[in-house]
Amino acid sequence: MNIVAFVPIKLNNERLVNKNILPLGGKPLCCHLLDTLCKIPLLDEIYVFCSQPQILEYLPNGVKFLKREPELDAFSAHHYDIVRSFVSKIEADIYVNAHVTNPFIKPETIVDGVESVLYREHDSVCAVTEIREHMWREGKPFNFAFNDPPRTQDLTPFYAEVGLFMYKKEVFLNTETRYGKNPYLMILDRIESFDINYQDDYELAQAIYSVRKTHKNS
């Protein structure tokens, strides 16, 4: 089985300018996930899929650059357009689709996902984080009653996608989605699932990194 990881990156970010190359812990944000992928022997190839060759200066050894169409950088571009383009260019049996805005993903998490497709009954993987909170929608309680709000630990959980997906090639070819008939919802904790999209996310990521580094060195 040929297993390929690909990481779509664009440099014209709208919500947080230059977010994919902002410094975090002394190296560009993108390098955290890419370094993690490089630690996984199960992966046959690792690609950054980007329209701008400037990204090459940030890529660690072992990561390949594949130039994508500039129109895929448009704010209106759909993620599936990016996946479709990559799959048409690079052959694989299983694709690992990850994003550099999740810098705290662990190698063992990705290995668990890949092995669930390789050796268990799953045909796809969707990493999620569990949410047990009192939720509101359109000004009304969504998952609880005013007169009898349960403890948050007793609520039926919601699961929010993290941005890490794995799927067999035929799953995407047959459905043009990342989801097969039997997906594995891989639950990550709040740190590992942390996603950077806005300035306050970036500041929190810096704080998380700093605390973890302090604990590691103590």
Protein backbone atom coordinates (compact mmCIF):
# COMPACT_ATOMS: atom_id res chain seq x y z
CA MET A 1 0.00 0.00 0.00
CA ASN A 2 1.35 3.38 -1.02
CA ILE A 3 0.58 6.00 1.63
CA VAL A 4 1.02 9.68 0.76
CA ALA A 5 0.61 12.67 3.05
CA PHE A 6 -0.23 15.99 1.52
CA VAL A 7 -0.43 19.38 3.14
CA PRO A 8 -2.17 22.18 1.23
CA ILE A 9 -0.60 25.55 1.97
CA LYS A 10 -1.29 29.01 0.64
CA LEU A 11 0.58 32.18 1.51
CA ASN A 12 -2.26 34.67 0.95
CA ASN A 13 -4.21 33.99 4.13
CA GLU A 14 -7.23 36.17 4.79
CA ARG A 15 -8.04 35.77 8.49
CA LEU A 16 -4.45 35.83 9.80
CA VAL A 17 -1.89 37.24 7.37
CA ASN A 18 1.06 34.89 6.65
CA LYS A 19 -0.23 32.49 9.31
CA ASN A 20 1.37 29.38 7.80
CA ILE A 21 4.90 30.80 8.17
CA LEU A 22 4.50 32.79 11.38
CA PRO A 23 7.14 31.91 14.01
CA LEU A 24 6.16 29.46 16.72
CA GLY A 25 8.78 28.26 19.16
CA GLY A 26 11.65 29.45 16.99
CA LYS A 27 10.55 27.96 13.68
CA PRO A 28 7.81 28.65 11.11
CA LEU A 29 4.38 27.32 11.99
CA CYS A 30 4.31 25.03 8.95
CA CYS A 31 7.43 23.21 10.11
CA HIS A 32 5.78 21.79 13.23
CA LEU A 33 3.36 19.54 11.35
CA LEU A 34 5.85 18.80 8.57
CA ASP A 35 8.49 17.71 11.11
CA THR A 36 5.86 15.47 12.71
CA LEU A 37 5.03 13.84 9.39
CA CYS A 38 8.73 13.21 8.75
CA LYS A 39 8.87 11.07 11.91
CA ILE A 40 6.33 8.56 10.56
CA PRO A 41 7.92 5.61 8.68
CA LEU A 42 4.50 4.47 7.42
CA LEU A 43 4.38 7.43 5.05
CA ASP A 44 5.94 6.75 1.66
CA GLU A 45 5.90 10.38 0.52
CA ILE A 46 5.10 13.78 2.02
CA TYR A 47 4.05 16.69 -0.18
CA VAL A 48 3.36 20.34 0.34
CA PHE A 49 0.81 21.40 -2.26
CA CYS A 50 1.32 25.13 -2.84
CA SER A 51 1.18 27.53 -5.77
CA GLN A 52 4.20 29.56 -4.66
CA PRO A 53 7.75 28.17 -4.84
CA GLN A 54 8.75 30.53 -1.99
CA ILE A 55 7.46 27.84 0.37
CA LEU A 56 10.51 25.74 -0.54
CA GLU A 57 12.73 27.66 1.88
CA TYR A 58 10.59 26.43 4.78
CA LEU A 59 10.39 22.74 3.90
CA PRO A 60 12.33 20.21 6.00
CA ASN A 61 14.31 17.40 4.38
CA GLY A 62 12.02 14.64 3.21
CA VAL A 63 9.14 16.92 2.21
CA LYS A 64 8.47 17.40 -1.50
CA PHE A 65 7.04 20.46 -3.17
CA LEU A 66 4.22 20.10 -5.70
CA LYS A 67 3.09 23.25 -7.44
CA ARG A 68 -0.64 23.72 -7.61
CA GLU A 69 -2.81 25.93 -9.77
CA PRO A 70 -2.90 29.58 -8.55
CA GLU A 71 -6.69 29.64 -8.82
CA LEU A 72 -6.81 27.18 -5.91
CA ASP A 73 -5.55 30.03 -3.70
CA ALA A 74 -8.75 31.99 -4.25
CA PHE A 75 -10.82 32.57 -1.14
CA SER A 76 -13.76 31.05 -3.00
CA ALA A 77 -11.90 27.81 -3.80
CA HIS A 78 -13.38 24.67 -2.21
CA HIS A 79 -11.14 22.26 -0.35
CA TYR A 80 -12.38 19.40 -2.53
CA ASP A 81 -11.08 21.23 -5.60
CA ILE A 82 -7.65 21.10 -3.98
CA VAL A 83 -7.99 17.41 -3.13
CA ARG A 84 -9.23 16.59 -6.63
CA SER A 85 -6.25 18.35 -8.18
CA PHE A 86 -3.73 16.61 -5.92
CA VAL A 87 -5.24 13.14 -6.39
CA SER A 88 -5.12 13.62 -10.16
CA LYS A 89 -1.39 14.33 -9.96
CA ILE A 90 -0.09 11.93 -7.28
CA GLU A 91 -1.00 8.25 -7.14
CA ALA A 92 -1.58 6.62 -3.75
CA ASP A 93 -3.68 3.94 -2.09
CA ILE A 94 -4.23 6.03 1.06
CA TYR A 95 -4.03 9.80 1.41
CA VAL A 96 -3.25 11.57 4.66
CA ASN A 97 -4.64 15.11 4.37
CA ALA A 98 -3.28 17.36 7.14
CA HIS A 99 -3.06 21.09 7.83
CA VAL A 100 -0.21 23.10 9.32
CA THR A 101 -2.62 25.10 11.44
CA ASN A 102 -2.74 22.08 13.78
CA PRO A 103 0.85 22.25 15.11
CA PHE A 104 0.33 19.97 18.11
CA ILE A 105 -0.75 16.82 16.25
CA LYS A 106 1.29 13.85 17.48
CA PRO A 107 2.98 11.27 15.25
CA GLU A 108 1.24 8.43 17.09
CA THR A 109 -2.14 9.97 16.29
CA ILE A 110 -1.44 9.86 12.57
CA VAL A 111 -0.08 6.32 12.88
CA ASP A 112 -3.28 5.25 14.68
CA GLY A 113 -5.37 6.70 11.88
CA VAL A 114 -3.37 5.11 9.10
CA GLU A 115 -3.41 1.73 10.84
CA SER A 116 -7.19 1.93 11.26
CA VAL A 117 -7.47 2.06 7.46
CA LEU A 118 -4.71 -0.47 6.84
CA TYR A 119 -5.61 -3.12 9.39
CA ARG A 120 -9.09 -2.40 10.72
CA GLU A 121 -12.47 -2.11 9.06
CA HIS A 122 -12.37 1.65 8.42
CA ASP A 123 -12.08 3.14 4.94
CA SER A 124 -11.54 6.72 6.12
CA VAL A 125 -10.57 8.73 9.19
CA CYS A 126 -11.84 12.06 10.48
CA ALA A 127 -10.06 13.56 13.49
CA VAL A 128 -12.46 15.31 15.84
CA THR A 129 -12.60 16.97 19.22
CA GLU A 130 -15.42 16.27 21.65
CA ILE A 131 -17.63 19.15 22.82
CA ARG A 132 -19.80 18.85 25.93
CA GLU A 133 -21.16 22.35 26.53
CA HIS A 134 -24.56 23.99 26.85
CA MET A 135 -25.17 25.12 23.29
CA TRP A 136 -27.41 27.88 21.93
CA ARG A 137 -28.83 28.29 18.44
CA GLU A 138 -30.76 31.29 17.12
CA GLY A 139 -31.23 32.64 20.63
CA LYS A 140 -32.60 29.38 22.07
CA PRO A 141 -31.10 26.42 23.97
CA PHE A 142 -30.03 23.78 21.49
CA ASN A 143 -29.06 20.76 23.58
CA PHE A 144 -30.58 21.48 26.99
CA ALA A 145 -33.77 22.75 28.63
CA PHE A 146 -34.03 25.97 30.63
CA ASN A 147 -35.78 24.25 33.51
CA ASP A 148 -33.48 21.25 33.76
CA PRO A 149 -29.96 21.89 32.41
CA PRO A 150 -27.85 18.75 32.87
CA ARG A 151 -24.27 18.72 34.04
CA THR A 152 -21.99 19.28 31.07
CA GLN A 153 -20.43 15.83 31.56
CA ASP A 154 -23.91 14.28 31.13
CA LEU A 155 -24.67 16.03 27.83
CA THR A 156 -24.69 14.08 24.60
CA PRO A 157 -21.41 15.17 22.99
CA PHE A 158 -20.97 16.96 19.69
CA TYR A 159 -17.87 16.27 17.60
CA ALA A 160 -16.09 19.07 15.74
CA GLU A 161 -13.75 18.25 12.86
CA VAL A 162 -10.11 19.06 13.49
CA GLY A 163 -8.68 19.16 9.95
CA LEU A 164 -6.88 15.83 9.78
CA PHE A 165 -8.31 13.29 7.35
CA MET A 166 -7.21 9.97 5.92
CA TYR A 167 -8.99 8.07 3.18
CA LYS A 168 -8.51 5.40 0.58
CA LYS A 169 -8.23 6.66 -2.96
CA GLU A 170 -11.43 4.92 -4.01
CA VAL A 171 -13.33 6.73 -1.26
CA PHE A 172 -12.58 10.09 -2.85
CA LEU A 173 -13.02 8.83 -6.40
CA ASN A 174 -16.40 7.27 -5.58
CA THR A 175 -17.83 10.01 -3.37
CA GLU A 176 -15.69 13.10 -4.06
CA THR A 177 -15.61 13.55 -0.29
CA ARG A 178 -13.23 12.61 2.53
CA TYR A 179 -15.78 10.28 4.11
CA GLY A 180 -16.27 6.61 3.35
CA LYS A 181 -19.01 4.24 4.39
CA ASN A 182 -17.27 3.40 7.64
CA PRO A 183 -15.24 6.38 8.89
CA TYR A 184 -13.24 6.29 12.10
CA LEU A 185 -13.96 9.35 14.25
CA MET A 186 -10.60 9.74 15.96
CA ILE A 187 -11.08 11.83 19.10
CA LEU A 188 -8.25 14.23 19.97
CA ASP A 189 -7.80 16.23 23.14
CA ARG A 190 -8.11 20.02 23.16
CA ILE A 191 -4.40 20.69 22.81
CA GLU A 192 -3.77 18.28 19.97
CA SER A 193 -6.87 19.52 18.14
CA PHE A 194 -5.93 23.18 18.59
CA ASP A 195 -6.34 25.07 15.32
CA ILE A 196 -4.81 28.44 14.41
CA ASN A 197 -6.96 30.71 12.28
CA TYR A 198 -7.07 34.06 14.06
CA GLN A 199 -4.68 36.29 15.99
CA ASP A 200 -5.92 35.13 19.39
CA ASP A 201 -5.46 31.49 18.30
CA TYR A 202 -1.87 32.29 17.41
CA GLU A 203 -1.25 33.95 20.76
CA LEU A 204 -2.74 30.98 22.61
CA ALA A 205 -0.57 28.60 20.56
CA GLN A 206 2.51 30.55 21.63
CA ALA A 207 1.43 30.21 25.26
CA ILE A 208 0.81 26.46 24.88
CA TYR A 209 4.20 25.97 23.25
CA SER A 210 5.94 27.96 25.96
CA VAL A 211 4.30 26.00 28.80
CA ARG A 212 5.07 22.67 27.16
CA LYS A 213 8.69 23.64 26.62
CA THR A 214 9.00 24.69 30.26
CA HIS A 215 7.57 21.38 31.46
CA LYS A 216 9.83 19.44 29.11
CA ASN A 217 12.94 21.21 30.41
CA SER A 218 11.99 21.05 34.10
